[in-house]
């Protein structure tokens, strides 16, 4: 049973690599406890002890495919799943009035609208990357883009992830692109170049380019290149372990507990906004 003095958290997608990392981070963080674990209907993990599956001592919290009772008994939910599932979970978290920490990437504009609507009823922290280092990098990218004129410096964002990642560019790459666009005071969607193939012509001044690499077991490498005539600046971050995202997520949960409803980012959590 959860200790009522602690913040009880539900992990959705509890059986996956990220879900297991989140469970371990919860167990390692004072003031938090695992109160529920959810997997998709039909998962062979249903009924298994969630903590034992994550390599820890059994906690008695069984993996279930019914999120409603789990959400009703919790104070927050950690969600690194899929866009469709995240939108559904946002509705459940809003009904329960609990904090929803979203690390899911690849959400469409329609998904974002629905998540924003849910944030009218509960605090949501959503970020393309939960790590402290990446969010500090985003702040540096914004400053650099603001300081270096677009007519003199081109911005390119290069990212690489493991072979199983399904969305591109990564949520982190888009987060960094948004930081660069904010520094330049431009709209990212109107000024981004997602692919180049064939005879593309000269690079258009002021655009922000994205390049995507996939392979192996890379957790996440991101570089923002500001290329001028005769000089080049590269700001980069390498993620070596999913633990950094899990630590950021549980920190966000503690920060969001008791907050008024709204849509927040990791910059709010870290006091960088």
C-alpha atoms as a PDB file:
ATOM      1  CA  UNK A   1       0.000   0.000   0.000  1.00  0.00           C
ATOM      2  CA  UNK A   2       1.168   3.518  -0.779  1.00  0.00           C
ATOM      3  CA  UNK A   3       2.336   5.685   2.090  1.00  0.00           C
ATOM      4  CA  UNK A   4      -0.182   8.549   2.283  1.00  0.00           C
ATOM      5  CA  UNK A   5       2.618  10.910   3.297  1.00  0.00           C
ATOM      6  CA  UNK A   6       4.263  10.363  -0.069  1.00  0.00           C
ATOM      7  CA  UNK A   7       3.211  11.459  -3.536  1.00  0.00           C
ATOM      8  CA  UNK A   8       1.845   8.396  -5.279  1.00  0.00           C
ATOM      9  CA  UNK A   9       2.742   8.145  -8.962  1.00  0.00           C
ATOM     10  CA  UNK A  10       1.372   5.983 -11.735  1.00  0.00           C
ATOM     11  CA  UNK A  11       3.741   4.898 -14.498  1.00  0.00           C
ATOM     12  CA  UNK A  12       2.037   4.264 -17.828  1.00  0.00           C
ATOM     13  CA  UNK A  13       3.934   2.128 -20.294  1.00  0.00           C
ATOM     14  CA  UNK A  14       5.394   0.534 -17.170  1.00  0.00           C
ATOM     15  CA  UNK A  15       6.789  -2.527 -18.933  1.00  0.00           C
ATOM     16  CA  UNK A  16       9.048  -0.733 -21.400  1.00  0.00           C
ATOM     17  CA  UNK A  17      12.630   0.408 -20.931  1.00  0.00           C
ATOM     18  CA  UNK A  18      11.594   3.945 -20.068  1.00  0.00           C
ATOM     19  CA  UNK A  19       8.797   2.741 -17.805  1.00  0.00           C
ATOM     20  CA  UNK A  20      11.232   0.581 -15.857  1.00  0.00           C
ATOM     21  CA  UNK A  21      13.652   3.520 -15.528  1.00  0.00           C
ATOM     22  CA  UNK A  22      10.804   5.661 -14.184  1.00  0.00           C
ATOM     23  CA  UNK A  23       9.875   3.028 -11.603  1.00  0.00           C
ATOM     24  CA  UNK A  24      13.479   2.822 -10.416  1.00  0.00           C
ATOM     25  CA  UNK A  25      13.670   6.631 -10.203  1.00  0.00           C
ATOM     26  CA  UNK A  26      10.492   6.763  -8.127  1.00  0.00           C
ATOM     27  CA  UNK A  27      11.861   4.189  -5.678  1.00  0.00           C
ATOM     28  CA  UNK A  28      15.105   6.185  -5.391  1.00  0.00           C
ATOM     29  CA  UNK A  29      13.416   9.557  -4.726  1.00  0.00           C
ATOM     30  CA  UNK A  30      12.367  10.572  -1.198  1.00  0.00           C
ATOM     31  CA  UNK A  31       8.762  11.769  -1.015  1.00  0.00           C
ATOM     32  CA  UNK A  32       7.583   9.587  -3.889  1.00  0.00           C
ATOM     33  CA  UNK A  33       6.132   6.098  -4.121  1.00  0.00           C
ATOM     34  CA  UNK A  34       4.841   3.918  -6.932  1.00  0.00           C
ATOM     35  CA  UNK A  35       1.066   3.708  -6.610  1.00  0.00           C
ATOM     36  CA  UNK A  36       0.137   2.216  -9.991  1.00  0.00           C
ATOM     37  CA  UNK A  37       1.528   0.728 -13.184  1.00  0.00           C
ATOM     38  CA  UNK A  38      -0.318   0.561 -16.494  1.00  0.00           C
ATOM     39  CA  UNK A  39       0.333  -1.334 -19.728  1.00  0.00           C
ATOM     40  CA  UNK A  40      -1.618  -1.760 -22.942  1.00  0.00           C
ATOM     41  CA  UNK A  41      -4.468  -4.254 -23.081  1.00  0.00           C
ATOM     42  CA  UNK A  42      -3.165  -7.664 -24.065  1.00  0.00           C
ATOM     43  CA  UNK A  43       0.341  -7.106 -22.733  1.00  0.00           C
ATOM     44  CA  UNK A  44       1.905 -10.313 -21.359  1.00  0.00           C
ATOM     45  CA  UNK A  45       3.075  -8.261 -18.384  1.00  0.00           C
ATOM     46  CA  UNK A  46      -0.423  -7.736 -16.980  1.00  0.00           C
ATOM     47  CA  UNK A  47      -0.506  -9.040 -13.412  1.00  0.00           C
ATOM     48  CA  UNK A  48       3.242  -8.930 -12.882  1.00  0.00           C
ATOM     49  CA  UNK A  49       4.740  -6.981  -9.994  1.00  0.00           C
ATOM     50  CA  UNK A  50       5.853  -3.671 -11.550  1.00  0.00           C
ATOM     51  CA  UNK A  51       8.827  -3.110  -9.254  1.00  0.00           C
ATOM     52  CA  UNK A  52      10.113  -6.649  -9.647  1.00  0.00           C
ATOM     53  CA  UNK A  53       9.863  -6.288 -13.425  1.00  0.00           C
ATOM     54  CA  UNK A  54      12.063  -3.175 -13.112  1.00  0.00           C
ATOM     55  CA  UNK A  55      14.696  -5.162 -11.223  1.00  0.00           C
ATOM     56  CA  UNK A  56      13.717  -4.045  -7.723  1.00  0.00           C
ATOM     57  CA  UNK A  57      12.231  -5.709  -4.676  1.00  0.00           C
ATOM     58  CA  UNK A  58       8.551  -6.517  -5.204  1.00  0.00           C
ATOM     59  CA  UNK A  59       6.248  -3.699  -4.094  1.00  0.00           C
ATOM     60  CA  UNK A  60       2.872  -5.364  -4.493  1.00  0.00           C
ATOM     61  CA  UNK A  61       1.912  -2.964  -7.275  1.00  0.00           C
ATOM     62  CA  UNK A  62       0.674  -5.120 -10.131  1.00  0.00           C
ATOM     63  CA  UNK A  63       0.745  -4.030 -13.772  1.00  0.00           C
ATOM     64  CA  UNK A  64      -2.804  -3.461 -15.033  1.00  0.00           C
ATOM     65  CA  UNK A  65      -4.490  -2.426 -18.265  1.00  0.00           C
ATOM     66  CA  UNK A  66      -7.157  -0.361 -16.459  1.00  0.00           C
ATOM     67  CA  UNK A  67      -5.832   3.166 -15.807  1.00  0.00           C
ATOM     68  CA  UNK A  68      -8.933   4.620 -14.142  1.00  0.00           C
ATOM     69  CA  UNK A  69      -8.574   3.059 -10.660  1.00  0.00           C
ATOM     70  CA  UNK A  70      -4.833   3.717 -10.730  1.00  0.00           C
ATOM     71  CA  UNK A  71      -5.319   7.395 -11.597  1.00  0.00           C
ATOM     72  CA  UNK A  72      -8.037   7.804  -8.953  1.00  0.00           C
ATOM     73  CA  UNK A  73      -5.667   6.602  -6.229  1.00  0.00           C
ATOM     74  CA  UNK A  74      -2.628   8.661  -7.322  1.00  0.00           C
ATOM     75  CA  UNK A  75      -1.376  12.238  -7.154  1.00  0.00           C
ATOM     76  CA  UNK A  76       0.466  12.133 -10.480  1.00  0.00           C
ATOM     77  CA  UNK A  77       1.228  10.143 -13.620  1.00  0.00           C
ATOM     78  CA  UNK A  78       4.473   9.743 -15.573  1.00  0.00           C
ATOM     79  CA  UNK A  79       3.876   9.257 -19.281  1.00  0.00           C
ATOM     80  CA  UNK A  80       6.447   8.416 -21.980  1.00  0.00           C
ATOM     81  CA  UNK A  81       4.124   6.492 -24.289  1.00  0.00           C
ATOM     82  CA  UNK A  82       2.578   7.311 -27.681  1.00  0.00           C
ATOM     83  CA  UNK A  83       0.653  10.415 -28.792  1.00  0.00           C
ATOM     84  CA  UNK A  84      -2.715   8.623 -28.934  1.00  0.00           C
ATOM     85  CA  UNK A  85      -2.227   7.089 -25.491  1.00  0.00           C
ATOM     86  CA  UNK A  86      -0.971  10.361 -24.016  1.00  0.00           C
ATOM     87  CA  UNK A  87      -4.056  12.251 -25.191  1.00  0.00           C
ATOM     88  CA  UNK A  88      -6.240   9.588 -23.568  1.00  0.00           C
ATOM     89  CA  UNK A  89      -4.235   9.693 -20.336  1.00  0.00           C
ATOM     90  CA  UNK A  90      -4.435  13.502 -20.299  1.00  0.00           C
ATOM     91  CA  UNK A  91      -8.211  13.212 -20.168  1.00  0.00           C
ATOM     92  CA  UNK A  92      -8.073  10.724 -17.302  1.00  0.00           C
ATOM     93  CA  UNK A  93      -5.564  12.851 -15.359  1.00  0.00           C
ATOM     94  CA  UNK A  94      -7.749  15.918 -15.880  1.00  0.00           C
ATOM     95  CA  UNK A  95     -10.771  14.052 -14.511  1.00  0.00           C
ATOM     96  CA  UNK A  96      -8.764  12.952 -11.482  1.00  0.00           C
ATOM     97  CA  UNK A  97      -7.190  16.405 -11.053  1.00  0.00           C
ATOM     98  CA  UNK A  98      -3.663  14.986 -10.775  1.00  0.00           C
ATOM     99  CA  UNK A  99      -0.340  16.117 -12.194  1.00  0.00           C
ATOM    100  CA  UNK A 100       0.497  14.683 -15.629  1.00  0.00           C
ATOM    101  CA  UNK A 101       4.155  14.583 -16.630  1.00  0.00           C
ATOM    102  CA  UNK A 102       4.482  14.047 -20.392  1.00  0.00           C
ATOM    103  CA  UNK A 103       7.707  13.022 -22.086  1.00  0.00           C
ATOM    104  CA  UNK A 104       5.932  11.623 -25.152  1.00  0.00           C
ATOM    105  CA  UNK A 105       7.145  12.980 -28.490  1.00  0.00           C
ATOM    106  CA  UNK A 106       5.658  13.044 -31.970  1.00  0.00           C
ATOM    107  CA  UNK A 107       2.358  14.697 -30.973  1.00  0.00           C
ATOM    108  CA  UNK A 108       0.366  16.291 -33.786  1.00  0.00           C
ATOM    109  CA  UNK A 109      -1.116  19.783 -33.671  1.00  0.00           C
ATOM    110  CA  UNK A 110      -4.493  18.211 -32.860  1.00  0.00           C
ATOM    111  CA  UNK A 111      -2.925  16.211 -30.028  1.00  0.00           C
ATOM    112  CA  UNK A 112      -1.377  19.385 -28.634  1.00  0.00           C
ATOM    113  CA  UNK A 113      -4.753  21.142 -28.677  1.00  0.00           C
ATOM    114  CA  UNK A 114      -6.338  18.311 -26.694  1.00  0.00           C
ATOM    115  CA  UNK A 115      -3.483  18.235 -24.184  1.00  0.00           C
ATOM    116  CA  UNK A 116      -3.787  21.993 -23.735  1.00  0.00           C
ATOM    117  CA  UNK A 117      -7.518  21.576 -23.099  1.00  0.00           C
ATOM    118  CA  UNK A 118      -6.793  18.967 -20.410  1.00  0.00           C
ATOM    119  CA  UNK A 119      -4.354  21.404 -18.785  1.00  0.00           C
ATOM    120  CA  UNK A 120      -7.315  23.630 -17.884  1.00  0.00           C
ATOM    121  CA  UNK A 121      -8.226  21.028 -15.270  1.00  0.00           C
ATOM    122  CA  UNK A 122      -4.870  19.706 -14.029  1.00  0.00           C
ATOM    123  CA  UNK A 123      -1.184  20.673 -14.023  1.00  0.00           C
ATOM    124  CA  UNK A 124       0.653  19.214 -17.018  1.00  0.00           C
ATOM    125  CA  UNK A 125       4.416  19.370 -17.482  1.00  0.00           C
ATOM    126  CA  UNK A 126       5.258  18.531 -21.089  1.00  0.00           C
ATOM    127  CA  UNK A 127       8.692  18.568 -22.661  1.00  0.00           C
ATOM    128  CA  UNK A 128      10.459  17.030 -25.634  1.00  0.00           C
ATOM    129  CA  UNK A 129      13.254  16.238 -23.194  1.00  0.00           C
ATOM    130  CA  UNK A 130      13.199  16.036 -19.394  1.00  0.00           C
ATOM    131  CA  UNK A 131      16.935  16.256 -18.749  1.00  0.00           C
ATOM    132  CA  UNK A 132      18.539  19.216 -17.015  1.00  0.00           C
ATOM    133  CA  UNK A 133      21.386  19.321 -19.526  1.00  0.00           C
ATOM    134  CA  UNK A 134      19.175  19.549 -22.602  1.00  0.00           C
ATOM    135  CA  UNK A 135      17.070  22.313 -21.120  1.00  0.00           C
ATOM    136  CA  UNK A 136      20.182  24.282 -20.248  1.00  0.00           C
ATOM    137  CA  UNK A 137      21.347  23.670 -23.827  1.00  0.00           C
ATOM    138  CA  UNK A 138      18.062  25.071 -25.137  1.00  0.00           C
ATOM    139  CA  UNK A 139      18.678  28.243 -23.164  1.00  0.00           C
ATOM    140  CA  UNK A 140      22.156  28.569 -24.667  1.00  0.00           C
ATOM    141  CA  UNK A 141      20.794  27.950 -28.181  1.00  0.00           C
ATOM    142  CA  UNK A 142      18.227  30.701 -27.733  1.00  0.00           C
ATOM    143  CA  UNK A 143      20.917  33.133 -26.576  1.00  0.00           C
ATOM    144  CA  UNK A 144      23.249  32.220 -29.442  1.00  0.00           C
ATOM    145  CA  UNK A 145      20.512  32.518 -32.069  1.00  0.00           C
ATOM    146  CA  UNK A 146      19.574  35.902 -30.667  1.00  0.00           C
ATOM    147  CA  UNK A 147      23.163  37.144 -30.662  1.00  0.00           C
ATOM    148  CA  UNK A 148      24.270  35.891 -34.073  1.00  0.00           C
ATOM    149  CA  UNK A 149      22.478  37.478 -37.069  1.00  0.00           C
ATOM    150  CA  UNK A 150      20.609  35.165 -39.439  1.00  0.00           C
ATOM    151  CA  UNK A 151      22.262  36.681 -42.510  1.00  0.00           C
ATOM    152  CA  UNK A 152      25.683  35.663 -41.144  1.00  0.00           C
ATOM    153  CA  UNK A 153      25.018  32.381 -39.316  1.00  0.00           C
ATOM    154  CA  UNK A 154      22.986  29.394 -40.520  1.00  0.00           C
ATOM    155  CA  UNK A 155      21.455  27.044 -37.945  1.00  0.00           C
ATOM    156  CA  UNK A 156      21.445  23.271 -38.437  1.00  0.00           C
ATOM    157  CA  UNK A 157      20.265  20.697 -35.887  1.00  0.00           C
ATOM    158  CA  UNK A 158      21.659  17.166 -36.057  1.00  0.00           C
ATOM    159  CA  UNK A 159      20.232  14.336 -33.962  1.00  0.00           C
ATOM    160  CA  UNK A 160      20.807  10.585 -33.649  1.00  0.00           C
ATOM    161  CA  UNK A 161      18.791   7.963 -31.798  1.00  0.00           C
ATOM    162  CA  UNK A 162      18.526   4.173 -31.565  1.00  0.00           C
ATOM    163  CA  UNK A 163      17.081   2.144 -34.424  1.00  0.00           C
ATOM    164  CA  UNK A 164      13.705   1.652 -32.672  1.00  0.00           C
ATOM    165  CA  UNK A 165      12.711   5.331 -32.401  1.00  0.00           C
ATOM    166  CA  UNK A 166       9.591   5.948 -34.483  1.00  0.00           C
ATOM    167  CA  UNK A 167       9.331   9.753 -34.771  1.00  0.00           C
ATOM    168  CA  UNK A 168      11.636  12.202 -36.540  1.00  0.00           C
ATOM    169  CA  UNK A 169      12.910  14.779 -35.929  1.00  0.00           C
ATOM    170  CA  UNK A 170      13.106  13.910 -32.247  1.00  0.00           C
ATOM    171  CA  UNK A 171      11.170  15.882 -29.681  1.00  0.00           C
ATOM    172  CA  UNK A 172      14.466  17.185 -28.363  1.00  0.00           C
ATOM    173  CA  UNK A 173      15.555  18.395 -31.804  1.00  0.00           C
ATOM    174  CA  UNK A 174      12.259  20.239 -32.159  1.00  0.00           C
ATOM    175  CA  UNK A 175      12.667  21.695 -28.667  1.00  0.00           C
ATOM    176  CA  UNK A 176      16.090  23.021 -29.665  1.00  0.00           C
ATOM    177  CA  UNK A 177      14.702  24.290 -32.964  1.00  0.00           C
ATOM    178  CA  UNK A 178      11.953  26.121 -31.096  1.00  0.00           C
ATOM    179  CA  UNK A 179      14.590  27.718 -28.851  1.00  0.00           C
ATOM    180  CA  UNK A 180      16.565  28.876 -31.894  1.00  0.00           C
ATOM    181  CA  UNK A 181      13.413  30.219 -33.547  1.00  0.00           C
ATOM    182  CA  UNK A 182      12.478  32.082 -30.386  1.00  0.00           C
ATOM    183  CA  UNK A 183      15.931  33.644 -30.284  1.00  0.00           C
ATOM    184  CA  UNK A 184      15.512  34.739 -33.906  1.00  0.00           C
ATOM    185  CA  UNK A 185      11.886  35.826 -33.310  1.00  0.00           C
ATOM    186  CA  UNK A 186      10.585  33.662 -36.154  1.00  0.00           C
ATOM    187  CA  UNK A 187       8.001  30.897 -36.492  1.00  0.00           C
ATOM    188  CA  UNK A 188       9.705  27.493 -36.528  1.00  0.00           C
ATOM    189  CA  UNK A 189       7.043  25.721 -38.612  1.00  0.00           C
ATOM    190  CA  UNK A 190       7.364  28.354 -41.333  1.00  0.00           C
ATOM    191  CA  UNK A 191      11.170  28.372 -41.351  1.00  0.00           C
ATOM    192  CA  UNK A 192      12.258  24.766 -40.801  1.00  0.00           C
ATOM    193  CA  UNK A 193      13.769  22.452 -43.402  1.00  0.00           C
ATOM    194  CA  UNK A 194      13.167  18.811 -42.468  1.00  0.00           C
ATOM    195  CA  UNK A 195      14.807  17.063 -45.416  1.00  0.00           C
ATOM    196  CA  UNK A 196      17.045  17.661 -48.407  1.00  0.00           C
ATOM    197  CA  UNK A 197      17.273  15.427 -51.442  1.00  0.00           C
ATOM    198  CA  UNK A 198      18.290  16.011 -55.017  1.00  0.00           C
ATOM    199  CA  UNK A 199      18.964  19.416 -56.545  1.00  0.00           C
ATOM    200  CA  UNK A 200      17.750  21.619 -53.682  1.00  0.00           C
ATOM    201  CA  UNK A 201      19.334  24.902 -54.685  1.00  0.00           C
ATOM    202  CA  UNK A 202      21.173  27.225 -52.331  1.00  0.00           C
ATOM    203  CA  UNK A 203      20.265  27.306 -48.654  1.00  0.00           C
ATOM    204  CA  UNK A 204      17.614  29.898 -47.854  1.00  0.00           C
ATOM    205  CA  UNK A 205      18.798  32.531 -45.371  1.00  0.00           C
ATOM    206  CA  UNK A 206      17.147  32.353 -41.953  1.00  0.00           C
ATOM    207  CA  UNK A 207      15.904  28.770 -42.146  1.00  0.00           C
ATOM    208  CA  UNK A 208      16.593  26.167 -39.450  1.00  0.00           C
ATOM    209  CA  UNK A 209      17.632  22.796 -40.840  1.00  0.00           C
ATOM    210  CA  UNK A 210      17.132  19.366 -39.279  1.00  0.00           C
ATOM    211  CA  UNK A 211      19.079  16.184 -39.998  1.00  0.00           C
ATOM    212  CA  UNK A 212      18.074  12.814 -38.532  1.00  0.00           C
ATOM    213  CA  UNK A 213      20.215   9.719 -37.966  1.00  0.00           C
ATOM    214  CA  UNK A 214      18.958   6.362 -36.658  1.00  0.00           C
ATOM    215  CA  UNK A 215      20.955   3.294 -35.659  1.00  0.00           C
ATOM    216  CA  UNK A 216      22.222   1.001 -32.956  1.00  0.00           C
ATOM    217  CA  UNK A 217      21.394   1.681 -29.328  1.00  0.00           C
ATOM    218  CA  UNK A 218      22.092   5.436 -29.174  1.00  0.00           C
ATOM    219  CA  UNK A 219      20.047   6.957 -26.339  1.00  0.00           C
ATOM    220  CA  UNK A 220      20.197  10.456 -27.818  1.00  0.00           C
ATOM    221  CA  UNK A 221      22.810  12.759 -29.367  1.00  0.00           C
ATOM    222  CA  UNK A 222      21.930  16.339 -30.341  1.00  0.00           C
ATOM    223  CA  UNK A 223      24.050  19.094 -31.851  1.00  0.00           C
ATOM    224  CA  UNK A 224      23.073  22.630 -32.831  1.00  0.00           C
ATOM    225  CA  UNK A 225      25.489  24.035 -35.400  1.00  0.00           C
ATOM    226  CA  UNK A 226      25.688  27.766 -36.046  1.00  0.00           C
ATOM    227  CA  UNK A 227      27.712  28.023 -39.236  1.00  0.00           C
ATOM    228  CA  UNK A 228      29.129  31.351 -40.359  1.00  0.00           C
ATOM    229  CA  UNK A 229      31.705  32.331 -42.952  1.00  0.00           C
ATOM    230  CA  UNK A 230      35.068  31.137 -41.687  1.00  0.00           C
ATOM    231  CA  UNK A 231      33.806  29.937 -38.297  1.00  0.00           C
ATOM    232  CA  UNK A 232      31.394  27.439 -36.801  1.00  0.00           C
ATOM    233  CA  UNK A 233      29.922  27.047 -33.317  1.00  0.00           C
ATOM    234  CA  UNK A 234      28.582  23.673 -32.162  1.00  0.00           C
ATOM    235  CA  UNK A 235      26.480  23.280 -29.014  1.00  0.00           C
ATOM    236  CA  UNK A 236      25.823  19.649 -28.177  1.00  0.00           C
ATOM    237  CA  UNK A 237      24.472  17.158 -25.663  1.00  0.00           C
ATOM    238  CA  UNK A 238      24.927  13.387 -25.429  1.00  0.00           C
ATOM    239  CA  UNK A 239      22.525  11.288 -23.380  1.00  0.00           C
ATOM    240  CA  UNK A 240      24.238   8.142 -22.113  1.00  0.00           C
ATOM    241  CA  UNK A 241      21.458   6.656 -19.987  1.00  0.00           C
ATOM    242  CA  UNK A 242      17.654   6.959 -19.840  1.00  0.00           C
ATOM    243  CA  UNK A 243      18.041   7.616 -16.122  1.00  0.00           C
ATOM    244  CA  UNK A 244      18.537  11.323 -16.856  1.00  0.00           C
ATOM    245  CA  UNK A 245      15.040  11.546 -18.348  1.00  0.00           C
ATOM    246  CA  UNK A 246      13.527   9.576 -15.471  1.00  0.00           C
ATOM    247  CA  UNK A 247      15.195  11.802 -12.875  1.00  0.00           C
ATOM    248  CA  UNK A 248      13.880  14.875 -14.642  1.00  0.00           C
ATOM    249  CA  UNK A 249      10.372  13.423 -14.793  1.00  0.00           C
ATOM    250  CA  UNK A 250      10.184  12.662 -11.074  1.00  0.00           C
ATOM    251  CA  UNK A 251      11.567  16.110 -10.317  1.00  0.00           C
ATOM    252  CA  UNK A 252       8.817  17.566 -12.499  1.00  0.00           C
ATOM    253  CA  UNK A 253       6.213  15.505 -10.631  1.00  0.00           C
ATOM    254  CA  UNK A 254       7.343  16.845  -7.264  1.00  0.00           C
ATOM    255  CA  UNK A 255       7.322  20.388  -8.653  1.00  0.00           C
ATOM    256  CA  UNK A 256       3.834  20.015 -10.177  1.00  0.00           C
ATOM    257  CA  UNK A 257       2.230  18.475  -7.086  1.00  0.00           C
ATOM    258  CA  UNK A 258      -0.297  20.992  -5.759  1.00  0.00           C
ATOM    259  CA  UNK A 259       0.215  23.476  -8.613  1.00  0.00           C
ATOM    260  CA  UNK A 260      -2.756  25.136 -10.214  1.00  0.00           C
ATOM    261  CA  UNK A 261      -3.916  23.700 -13.554  1.00  0.00           C
ATOM    262  CA  UNK A 262      -1.882  24.782 -16.563  1.00  0.00           C
ATOM    263  CA  UNK A 263       0.524  23.655 -19.238  1.00  0.00           C
ATOM    264  CA  UNK A 264       4.127  23.901 -18.029  1.00  0.00           C
ATOM    265  CA  UNK A 265       7.539  22.937 -19.399  1.00  0.00           C
ATOM    266  CA  UNK A 266      10.799  21.749 -17.869  1.00  0.00           C
ATOM    267  CA  UNK A 267      12.024  25.328 -18.100  1.00  0.00           C
ATOM    268  CA  UNK A 268       9.337  26.185 -15.517  1.00  0.00           C
ATOM    269  CA  UNK A 269      10.394  23.257 -13.347  1.00  0.00           C
ATOM    270  CA  UNK A 270      14.042  24.318 -13.456  1.00  0.00           C
ATOM    271  CA  UNK A 271      13.298  28.029 -13.023  1.00  0.00           C
ATOM    272  CA  UNK A 272      14.762  28.860 -16.428  1.00  0.00           C
ATOM    273  CA  UNK A 273      11.673  30.458 -17.961  1.00  0.00           C
END
